[in-house]
């Protein structure tokens, strides 16, 4: 068994959001995203996996396939279908969330 404390040693980068890989193997990956206020994870998708996001700290604007931004905060779970476009924007405070994906990022 492995354990993680997802809010310990959170690292932020000035230029861009930072995705720290907590767990990566052939079955899937868990990434911890850390965004400073105003930073954006630009629109993208995961073509071969659903994406599950769990907000740990802060408030952000999350847009799914419809392009409409909605505000969510701590303890919110968001799900995106495989191939669904999504974008995340930190608001006035730091934003930390986990992303869970299936499969390996390398085919």
C-alpha atoms as a PDB file:
ATOM      1  CA  UNK A   1       0.000   0.000   0.000  1.00  0.00           C
ATOM      2  CA  UNK A   2       1.134   3.515  -0.784  1.00  0.00           C
ATOM      3  CA  UNK A   3      -0.226   6.610   0.907  1.00  0.00           C
ATOM      4  CA  UNK A   4      -0.231  10.267  -0.089  1.00  0.00           C
ATOM      5  CA  UNK A   5      -0.891  13.509   1.747  1.00  0.00           C
ATOM      6  CA  UNK A   6      -2.026  15.557  -1.251  1.00  0.00           C
ATOM      7  CA  UNK A   7      -1.752  18.947   0.469  1.00  0.00           C
ATOM      8  CA  UNK A   8       1.800  18.453   1.765  1.00  0.00           C
ATOM      9  CA  UNK A   9       4.665  20.204  -0.028  1.00  0.00           C
ATOM     10  CA  UNK A  10       2.476  21.743  -2.721  1.00  0.00           C
ATOM     11  CA  UNK A  11       4.680  23.433  -5.308  1.00  0.00           C
ATOM     12  CA  UNK A  12       3.541  26.408  -7.389  1.00  0.00           C
ATOM     13  CA  UNK A  13       5.296  27.753 -10.472  1.00  0.00           C
ATOM     14  CA  UNK A  14       5.156  31.426 -11.392  1.00  0.00           C
ATOM     15  CA  UNK A  15       4.881  31.016 -15.159  1.00  0.00           C
ATOM     16  CA  UNK A  16       2.419  28.122 -15.486  1.00  0.00           C
ATOM     17  CA  UNK A  17       0.183  25.747 -13.536  1.00  0.00           C
ATOM     18  CA  UNK A  18       2.174  22.848 -12.117  1.00  0.00           C
ATOM     19  CA  UNK A  19       1.077  19.210 -12.387  1.00  0.00           C
ATOM     20  CA  UNK A  20       2.944  16.946  -9.973  1.00  0.00           C
ATOM     21  CA  UNK A  21       2.618  13.188 -10.647  1.00  0.00           C
ATOM     22  CA  UNK A  22       1.624  11.524  -7.376  1.00  0.00           C
ATOM     23  CA  UNK A  23       1.201   8.109  -9.039  1.00  0.00           C
ATOM     24  CA  UNK A  24       1.837   6.973 -12.614  1.00  0.00           C
ATOM     25  CA  UNK A  25       1.786   3.402 -13.896  1.00  0.00           C
ATOM     26  CA  UNK A  26       0.302   1.329 -16.734  1.00  0.00           C
ATOM     27  CA  UNK A  27      -3.130   1.408 -15.075  1.00  0.00           C
ATOM     28  CA  UNK A  28      -3.531   5.152 -14.668  1.00  0.00           C
ATOM     29  CA  UNK A  29      -2.216   8.316 -13.133  1.00  0.00           C
ATOM     30  CA  UNK A  30      -2.980  10.711 -10.338  1.00  0.00           C
ATOM     31  CA  UNK A  31      -1.740  14.265 -10.811  1.00  0.00           C
ATOM     32  CA  UNK A  32      -1.840  17.115  -8.301  1.00  0.00           C
ATOM     33  CA  UNK A  33      -2.374  20.448 -10.008  1.00  0.00           C
ATOM     34  CA  UNK A  34      -1.335  23.674  -8.269  1.00  0.00           C
ATOM     35  CA  UNK A  35      -2.366  27.006  -9.772  1.00  0.00           C
ATOM     36  CA  UNK A  36      -1.588  30.505  -8.601  1.00  0.00           C
ATOM     37  CA  UNK A  37      -4.381  33.094  -8.818  1.00  0.00           C
ATOM     38  CA  UNK A  38      -5.234  33.816 -12.444  1.00  0.00           C
ATOM     39  CA  UNK A  39      -3.380  30.830 -13.913  1.00  0.00           C
ATOM     40  CA  UNK A  40      -5.181  28.694 -16.482  1.00  0.00           C
ATOM     41  CA  UNK A  41      -4.962  25.085 -17.603  1.00  0.00           C
ATOM     42  CA  UNK A  42      -5.862  25.783 -21.233  1.00  0.00           C
ATOM     43  CA  UNK A  43      -8.567  23.848 -23.010  1.00  0.00           C
ATOM     44  CA  UNK A  44      -7.516  20.274 -23.725  1.00  0.00           C
ATOM     45  CA  UNK A  45      -8.855  16.720 -23.516  1.00  0.00           C
ATOM     46  CA  UNK A  46      -7.827  13.181 -22.652  1.00  0.00           C
ATOM     47  CA  UNK A  47      -8.861  11.227 -25.756  1.00  0.00           C
ATOM     48  CA  UNK A  48      -8.616   7.739 -24.245  1.00  0.00           C
ATOM     49  CA  UNK A  49      -9.685   8.252 -20.635  1.00  0.00           C
ATOM     50  CA  UNK A  50     -12.381   9.845 -18.565  1.00  0.00           C
ATOM     51  CA  UNK A  51     -10.983  12.576 -16.320  1.00  0.00           C
ATOM     52  CA  UNK A  52     -11.982  12.900 -12.672  1.00  0.00           C
ATOM     53  CA  UNK A  53     -11.038  16.101 -10.832  1.00  0.00           C
ATOM     54  CA  UNK A  54     -11.302  16.542  -7.078  1.00  0.00           C
ATOM     55  CA  UNK A  55     -10.841  20.071  -5.711  1.00  0.00           C
ATOM     56  CA  UNK A  56      -8.770  20.201  -2.513  1.00  0.00           C
ATOM     57  CA  UNK A  57      -8.201  23.936  -1.930  1.00  0.00           C
ATOM     58  CA  UNK A  58      -9.271  27.222  -3.436  1.00  0.00           C
ATOM     59  CA  UNK A  59     -11.953  28.161  -5.913  1.00  0.00           C
ATOM     60  CA  UNK A  60     -11.758  27.876  -9.667  1.00  0.00           C
ATOM     61  CA  UNK A  61     -13.739  28.236 -12.842  1.00  0.00           C
ATOM     62  CA  UNK A  62     -14.160  24.897 -14.609  1.00  0.00           C
ATOM     63  CA  UNK A  63     -15.490  24.574 -18.161  1.00  0.00           C
ATOM     64  CA  UNK A  64     -16.510  21.313 -19.791  1.00  0.00           C
ATOM     65  CA  UNK A  65     -17.558  20.388 -23.300  1.00  0.00           C
ATOM     66  CA  UNK A  66     -20.219  23.119 -23.407  1.00  0.00           C
ATOM     67  CA  UNK A  67     -17.563  25.815 -22.807  1.00  0.00           C
ATOM     68  CA  UNK A  68     -19.515  27.385 -19.925  1.00  0.00           C
ATOM     69  CA  UNK A  69     -17.362  28.285 -16.907  1.00  0.00           C
ATOM     70  CA  UNK A  70     -18.769  27.293 -13.524  1.00  0.00           C
ATOM     71  CA  UNK A  71     -17.305  28.046 -10.114  1.00  0.00           C
ATOM     72  CA  UNK A  72     -16.381  25.151  -7.823  1.00  0.00           C
ATOM     73  CA  UNK A  73     -14.452  24.876  -4.569  1.00  0.00           C
ATOM     74  CA  UNK A  74     -13.153  22.349  -2.052  1.00  0.00           C
ATOM     75  CA  UNK A  75     -14.548  18.829  -1.951  1.00  0.00           C
ATOM     76  CA  UNK A  76     -16.162  19.076  -5.390  1.00  0.00           C
ATOM     77  CA  UNK A  77     -15.768  16.117  -7.751  1.00  0.00           C
ATOM     78  CA  UNK A  78     -16.001  16.854 -11.483  1.00  0.00           C
ATOM     79  CA  UNK A  79     -16.089  14.229 -14.229  1.00  0.00           C
ATOM     80  CA  UNK A  80     -15.322  14.589 -17.937  1.00  0.00           C
ATOM     81  CA  UNK A  81     -15.952  11.979 -20.624  1.00  0.00           C
ATOM     82  CA  UNK A  82     -13.083  10.679 -22.786  1.00  0.00           C
ATOM     83  CA  UNK A  83     -12.319  13.329 -25.398  1.00  0.00           C
ATOM     84  CA  UNK A  84     -14.374  16.035 -23.646  1.00  0.00           C
ATOM     85  CA  UNK A  85     -12.700  19.431 -23.823  1.00  0.00           C
ATOM     86  CA  UNK A  86     -12.143  21.110 -20.451  1.00  0.00           C
ATOM     87  CA  UNK A  87     -10.385  24.175 -19.043  1.00  0.00           C
ATOM     88  CA  UNK A  88      -9.595  25.279 -15.484  1.00  0.00           C
ATOM     89  CA  UNK A  89      -8.947  28.815 -14.224  1.00  0.00           C
ATOM     90  CA  UNK A  90      -7.818  29.765 -10.710  1.00  0.00           C
ATOM     91  CA  UNK A  91      -9.636  32.751  -9.298  1.00  0.00           C
ATOM     92  CA  UNK A  92      -8.371  35.105  -6.560  1.00  0.00           C
ATOM     93  CA  UNK A  93      -6.692  32.387  -4.499  1.00  0.00           C
ATOM     94  CA  UNK A  94      -4.429  29.422  -5.098  1.00  0.00           C
ATOM     95  CA  UNK A  95      -6.213  26.369  -6.495  1.00  0.00           C
ATOM     96  CA  UNK A  96      -5.184  22.766  -5.804  1.00  0.00           C
ATOM     97  CA  UNK A  97      -6.948  19.750  -7.283  1.00  0.00           C
ATOM     98  CA  UNK A  98      -6.295  16.115  -8.107  1.00  0.00           C
ATOM     99  CA  UNK A  99      -6.775  14.628 -11.575  1.00  0.00           C
ATOM    100  CA  UNK A 100      -7.381  10.886 -11.986  1.00  0.00           C
ATOM    101  CA  UNK A 101      -6.988   9.295 -15.438  1.00  0.00           C
ATOM    102  CA  UNK A 102      -7.068   5.713 -16.721  1.00  0.00           C
ATOM    103  CA  UNK A 103      -4.232   4.070 -18.616  1.00  0.00           C
ATOM    104  CA  UNK A 104      -0.690   5.067 -19.401  1.00  0.00           C
ATOM    105  CA  UNK A 105       0.101   8.453 -20.978  1.00  0.00           C
ATOM    106  CA  UNK A 106       2.578   6.638 -23.251  1.00  0.00           C
ATOM    107  CA  UNK A 107       1.007   4.214 -25.761  1.00  0.00           C
END
